[in-house]
C-alpha atoms as a PDB file:
ATOM      1  CA  LEU A   1      75.950-143.313 -58.071  1.00  0.00           C
ATOM      2  CA  TYR A   2      77.676-143.174 -54.831  1.00  0.00           C
ATOM      3  CA  SER A   3      78.877-146.246 -53.222  1.00  0.00           C
ATOM      4  CA  PHE A   4      80.517-145.931 -49.863  1.00  0.00           C
ATOM      5  CA  VAL A   5      83.526-148.333 -48.883  1.00  0.00           C
ATOM      6  CA  ASP A   6      84.385-149.074 -45.905  1.00  0.00           C
ATOM      7  CA  VAL A   7      88.010-149.979 -45.507  1.00  0.00           C
ATOM      8  CA  LYS A   8      88.924-151.847 -42.201  1.00  0.00           C
ATOM      9  CA  ASN A   9      92.777-153.415 -42.458  1.00  0.00           C
ATOM     10  CA  SER A  10      93.478-153.216 -46.023  1.00  0.00           C
ATOM     11  CA  ALA A  11      94.519-149.721 -46.153  1.00  0.00           C
ATOM     12  CA  SER A  12      97.301-149.601 -43.490  1.00  0.00           C
ATOM     13  CA  TYR A  13      99.603-151.133 -41.359  1.00  0.00           C
ATOM     14  CA  ASP A  14      97.775-149.974 -38.083  1.00  0.00           C
ATOM     15  CA  SER A  15      94.454-151.480 -37.711  1.00  0.00           C
ATOM     16  CA  GLU A  16      93.371-148.468 -35.287  1.00  0.00           C
ATOM     17  CA  THR A  17      93.834-145.641 -38.095  1.00  0.00           C
ATOM     18  CA  ALA A  18      92.380-147.509 -41.092  1.00  0.00           C
ATOM     19  CA  SER A  19      88.877-148.301 -39.428  1.00  0.00           C
ATOM     20  CA  ASN A  20      87.718-144.746 -39.631  1.00  0.00           C
ATOM     21  CA  VAL A  21      88.649-144.650 -43.123  1.00  0.00           C
ATOM     22  CA  ASN A  22      85.664-144.069 -45.754  1.00  0.00           C
ATOM     23  CA  ILE A  23      86.308-144.489 -49.692  1.00  0.00           C
ATOM     24  CA  ILE A  24      84.233-142.745 -51.951  1.00  0.00           C
ATOM     25  CA  ASN A  25      83.453-144.355 -55.258  1.00  0.00           C
ATOM     26  CA  GLU A  26      81.731-142.073 -57.839  1.00  0.00           C
ATOM     27  CA  SER A  27      81.180-144.182 -60.663  1.00  0.00           C
ATOM     28  CA  ASN A  28      79.416-142.523 -63.591  1.00  0.00           C
ATOM     29  CA  THR A  29      80.125-142.340 -67.202  1.00  0.00           C
ATOM     30  CA  SER A  30      81.361-140.134 -69.838  1.00  0.00           C
ATOM     31  CA  SER A  31      79.626-139.361 -73.145  1.00  0.00           C
ATOM     32  CA  HIS A  32      82.560-139.220 -75.990  1.00  0.00           C
ATOM     33  CA  ASP A  33      80.845-138.267 -79.453  1.00  0.00           C
ATOM     34  CA  SER A  34      82.811-139.120 -82.839  1.00  0.00           C
ATOM     35  CA  LEU A  35      81.932-138.597 -85.943  1.00  0.00           C
ATOM     36  CA  TYR A  36      79.680-141.726 -86.701  1.00  0.00           C
ATOM     37  CA  ASN A  37      78.845-142.955 -82.964  1.00  0.00           C
ATOM     38  CA  ARG A  38      77.949-142.036 -79.714  1.00  0.00           C
ATOM     39  CA  VAL A  39      80.656-143.958 -77.367  1.00  0.00           C
ATOM     40  CA  GLU A  40      79.961-144.189 -73.349  1.00  0.00           C
ATOM     41  CA  ILE A  41      83.373-144.475 -71.613  1.00  0.00           C
ATOM     42  CA  PRO A  42      82.960-145.324 -68.209  1.00  0.00           C
ATOM     43  CA  LYS A  43      84.587-143.612 -65.552  1.00  0.00           C
ATOM     44  CA  LEU A  44      85.951-144.133 -61.709  1.00  0.00           C
ATOM     45  CA  VAL A  45      86.704-141.265 -59.395  1.00  0.00           C
ATOM     46  CA  ALA A  46      88.295-142.550 -56.389  1.00  0.00           C
ATOM     47  CA  SER A  47      89.223-140.146 -53.162  1.00  0.00           C
ATOM     48  CA  CYS A  48      90.136-140.424 -49.431  1.00  0.00           C
ATOM     49  CA  TYR A  49      90.447-138.545 -46.425  1.00  0.00           C
ATOM     50  CA  CYS A  50      93.939-139.524 -44.602  1.00  0.00           C
ATOM     51  CA  SER A  51      95.036-137.408 -41.186  1.00  0.00           C
ATOM     52  CA  ARG A  52      97.776-137.601 -38.958  1.00  0.00           C
ATOM     53  CA  LYS A  53      97.294-138.480 -35.137  1.00  0.00           C
ATOM     54  CA  ALA A  54      98.900-135.628 -33.140  1.00  0.00           C
ATOM     55  CA  GLY A  55      99.423-137.711 -30.130  1.00  0.00           C
ATOM     56  CA  TYR A  56     103.034-138.454 -31.143  1.00  0.00           C
ATOM     57  CA  TYR A  57     103.862-135.546 -32.187  1.00  0.00           C
ATOM     58  CA  PHE A  58     102.298-133.533 -28.551  1.00  0.00           C
ATOM     59  CA  PHE A  59     104.318-135.978 -26.530  1.00  0.00           C
ATOM     60  CA  ASN A  60     107.531-136.354 -27.821  1.00  0.00           C
ATOM     61  CA  ALA A  61     108.126-133.301 -29.541  1.00  0.00           C
ATOM     62  CA  TYR A  62     105.235-130.317 -28.594  1.00  0.00           C
ATOM     63  CA  SER A  63     106.462-131.411 -24.577  1.00  0.00           C
ATOM     64  CA  LEU A  64     110.043-131.683 -25.279  1.00  0.00           C
ATOM     65  CA  ILE A  65     110.444-128.520 -26.731  1.00  0.00           C
ATOM     66  CA  PHE A  66     108.591-126.574 -24.196  1.00  0.00           C
ATOM     67  CA  LEU A  67     110.885-128.480 -21.317  1.00  0.00           C
ATOM     68  CA  ILE A  68     113.733-127.718 -22.707  1.00  0.00           C
ATOM     69  CA  THR A  69     112.243-123.941 -23.144  1.00  0.00           C
ATOM     70  CA  VAL A  70     111.334-123.441 -19.522  1.00  0.00           C
ATOM     71  CA  SER A  71     114.395-124.877 -18.221  1.00  0.00           C
ATOM     72  CA  SER A  72     116.440-121.784 -19.845  1.00  0.00           C
ATOM     73  CA  LEU A  73     114.632-120.021 -16.778  1.00  0.00           C
ATOM     74  CA  THR A  74     117.090-121.664 -14.570  1.00  0.00           C
ATOM     75  CA  ILE A  75     119.589-119.654 -15.582  1.00  0.00           C
ATOM     76  CA  PHE A  76     118.295-116.742 -13.901  1.00  0.00           C
ATOM     77  CA  SER A  77     119.719-118.336 -10.785  1.00  0.00           C
ATOM     78  CA  VAL A  78     123.325-117.452 -11.514  1.00  0.00           C
ATOM     79  CA  ASP A  79     124.735-114.676 -10.865  1.00  0.00           C
ATOM     80  CA  CYS A  80     123.985-111.156 -13.016  1.00  0.00           C
ATOM     81  CA  LYS A  81     127.296-110.328 -12.560  1.00  0.00           C
ATOM     82  CA  LEU A  82     128.591-113.578 -13.529  1.00  0.00           C
ATOM     83  CA  PRO A  83     127.446-113.068 -17.658  1.00  0.00           C
ATOM     84  CA  GLN A  84     130.034-115.492 -18.841  1.00  0.00           C
ATOM     85  CA  ASN A  85     128.250-118.464 -16.918  1.00  0.00           C
ATOM     86  CA  ARG A  86     124.890-117.173 -18.066  1.00  0.00           C
ATOM     87  CA  LEU A  87     125.861-116.966 -21.697  1.00  0.00           C
ATOM     88  CA  GLN A  88     127.447-120.680 -21.851  1.00  0.00           C
ATOM     89  CA  SER A  89     124.014-121.974 -20.408  1.00  0.00           C
ATOM     90  CA  SER A  90     121.921-119.923 -22.501  1.00  0.00           C
ATOM     91  CA  TYR A  91     123.883-121.151 -25.953  1.00  0.00           C
ATOM     92  CA  THR A  92     123.788-124.615 -24.369  1.00  0.00           C
ATOM     93  CA  ILE A  93     120.286-124.576 -24.125  1.00  0.00           C
ATOM     94  CA  LEU A  94     120.223-122.904 -27.433  1.00  0.00           C
ATOM     95  CA  LEU A  95     122.013-125.292 -29.279  1.00  0.00           C
ATOM     96  CA  THR A  96     119.946-127.901 -27.849  1.00  0.00           C
ATOM     97  CA  SER A  97     117.018-126.669 -28.861  1.00  0.00           C
ATOM     98  CA  VAL A  98     118.318-126.159 -32.708  1.00  0.00           C
ATOM     99  CA  SER A  99     119.171-129.600 -32.287  1.00  0.00           C
ATOM    100  CA  PHE A 100     115.895-130.928 -31.658  1.00  0.00           C
ATOM    101  CA  LYS A 101     114.217-129.374 -33.936  1.00  0.00           C
ATOM    102  CA  TRP A 102     116.514-130.725 -36.465  1.00  0.00           C
ATOM    103  CA  VAL A 103     115.477-134.277 -35.504  1.00  0.00           C
ATOM    104  CA  ILE A 104     112.157-133.377 -35.369  1.00  0.00           C
ATOM    105  CA  ASN A 105     112.232-132.531 -38.874  1.00  0.00           C
ATOM    106  CA  ARG A 106     113.620-135.513 -39.975  1.00  0.00           C
ATOM    107  CA  SER A 107     110.384-137.843 -38.311  1.00  0.00           C
ATOM    108  CA  LEU A 108     108.753-135.238 -40.642  1.00  0.00           C
ATOM    109  CA  PRO A 109     107.766-135.079 -44.600  1.00  0.00           C
ATOM    110  CA  THR A 110     109.173-132.069 -46.180  1.00  0.00           C
ATOM    111  CA  VAL A 111     106.436-129.638 -47.238  1.00  0.00           C
ATOM    112  CA  SER A 112     107.028-126.387 -48.842  1.00  0.00           C
ATOM    113  CA  TYR A 113     105.162-124.363 -45.502  1.00  0.00           C
ATOM    114  CA  LEU A 114     105.613-124.107 -41.927  1.00  0.00           C
ATOM    115  CA  THR A 115     103.637-126.678 -39.573  1.00  0.00           C
ATOM    116  CA  SER A 116     102.365-125.676 -36.287  1.00  0.00           C
ATOM    117  CA  LEU A 117     105.223-127.440 -34.763  1.00  0.00           C
ATOM    118  CA  ASP A 118     107.949-125.466 -36.966  1.00  0.00           C
ATOM    119  CA  LYS A 119     106.316-122.384 -35.763  1.00  0.00           C
ATOM    120  CA  TYR A 120     106.001-123.188 -31.986  1.00  0.00           C
ATOM    121  CA  ALA A 121     109.880-124.391 -32.286  1.00  0.00           C
ATOM    122  CA  ILE A 122     111.223-121.070 -33.709  1.00  0.00           C
ATOM    123  CA  ILE A 123     108.802-119.005 -31.553  1.00  0.00           C
ATOM    124  CA  CYS A 124     111.012-121.137 -28.758  1.00  0.00           C
ATOM    125  CA  ILE A 125     114.274-120.619 -29.789  1.00  0.00           C
ATOM    126  CA  PHE A 126     113.334-117.255 -30.291  1.00  0.00           C
ATOM    127  CA  TYR A 127     112.613-116.766 -26.737  1.00  0.00           C
ATOM    128  CA  VAL A 128     116.253-118.529 -26.395  1.00  0.00           C
ATOM    129  CA  CYS A 129     117.940-116.058 -27.997  1.00  0.00           C
ATOM    130  CA  MET A 130     116.013-113.410 -26.616  1.00  0.00           C
ATOM    131  CA  LEU A 131     117.173-114.933 -23.293  1.00  0.00           C
ATOM    132  CA  CYS A 132     120.466-114.588 -24.604  1.00  0.00           C
ATOM    133  CA  VAL A 133     121.045-111.428 -25.387  1.00  0.00           C
ATOM    134  CA  TRP A 134     119.194-110.515 -21.911  1.00  0.00           C
ATOM    135  CA  HIS A 135     121.761-112.255 -20.311  1.00  0.00           C
ATOM    136  CA  SER A 136     124.374-110.608 -22.147  1.00  0.00           C
ATOM    137  CA  ILE A 137     123.207-106.768 -21.465  1.00  0.00           C
ATOM    138  CA  VAL A 138     122.253-107.508 -17.633  1.00  0.00           C
ATOM    139  CA  GLY A 139     125.578-108.555 -16.992  1.00  0.00           C
ATOM    140  CA  SER A 140     127.781-106.023 -18.937  1.00  0.00           C
ATOM    141  CA  PHE A 141     125.997-102.365 -18.027  1.00  0.00           C
ATOM    142  CA  TRP A 142     124.710-101.752 -15.048  1.00  0.00           C
ATOM    143  CA  SER A 143     125.621-101.771 -11.538  1.00  0.00           C
ATOM    144  CA  ARG A 144     125.084-104.694  -9.312  1.00  0.00           C
ATOM    145  CA  ASP A 145     121.686-103.381  -7.616  1.00  0.00           C
ATOM    146  CA  LEU A 146     120.013-102.094 -10.129  1.00  0.00           C
ATOM    147  CA  ALA A 147     121.008-105.300 -12.906  1.00  0.00           C
ATOM    148  CA  GLU A 148     119.497-107.364  -9.960  1.00  0.00           C
ATOM    149  CA  ARG A 149     115.946-105.645  -9.959  1.00  0.00           C
ATOM    150  CA  LEU A 150     115.885-105.661 -13.580  1.00  0.00           C
ATOM    151  CA  ASP A 151     116.981-109.167 -13.516  1.00  0.00           C
ATOM    152  CA  LEU A 152     114.363-109.908 -11.071  1.00  0.00           C
ATOM    153  CA  TRP A 153     111.719-107.711 -13.392  1.00  0.00           C
ATOM    154  CA  SER A 154     112.924-110.146 -16.669  1.00  0.00           C
ATOM    155  CA  LEU A 155     112.391-113.424 -14.790  1.00  0.00           C
ATOM    156  CA  LEU A 156     108.468-112.527 -13.747  1.00  0.00           C
ATOM    157  CA  ILE A 157     107.866-111.056 -17.412  1.00  0.00           C
END
């Protein structure tokens, strides 16, 4: 026997999210044979589908991580032969990215796997780390003309 129960406002504090929740109750009996007689034991199985709305995390997490990462491209406007200024800005953005990832993780439940938001944040942090390495290389090894050309190519890439 299957019955569909539509839960309106009793399952959640948010009536918008609770209006789409369906609970499927499967009710049947289970037989248990004893030595002397057959006893019927009632059984109730309930299942519920639950999901989060992605809009909050898209606007408050993905977009802000994207803006922090894109702001790291502004460091290319600093002269390539001043690696100390470039690295200072790069590491500031790196620390901002790591701190923001920690703030986001506090608002998410602790799970044993990487969510898509974790993967995205780690990729962006890795990108900023690569820029830090690039800024230290371009300011240290090549002549000014070669460094400016390579710096332009790395910005375009």
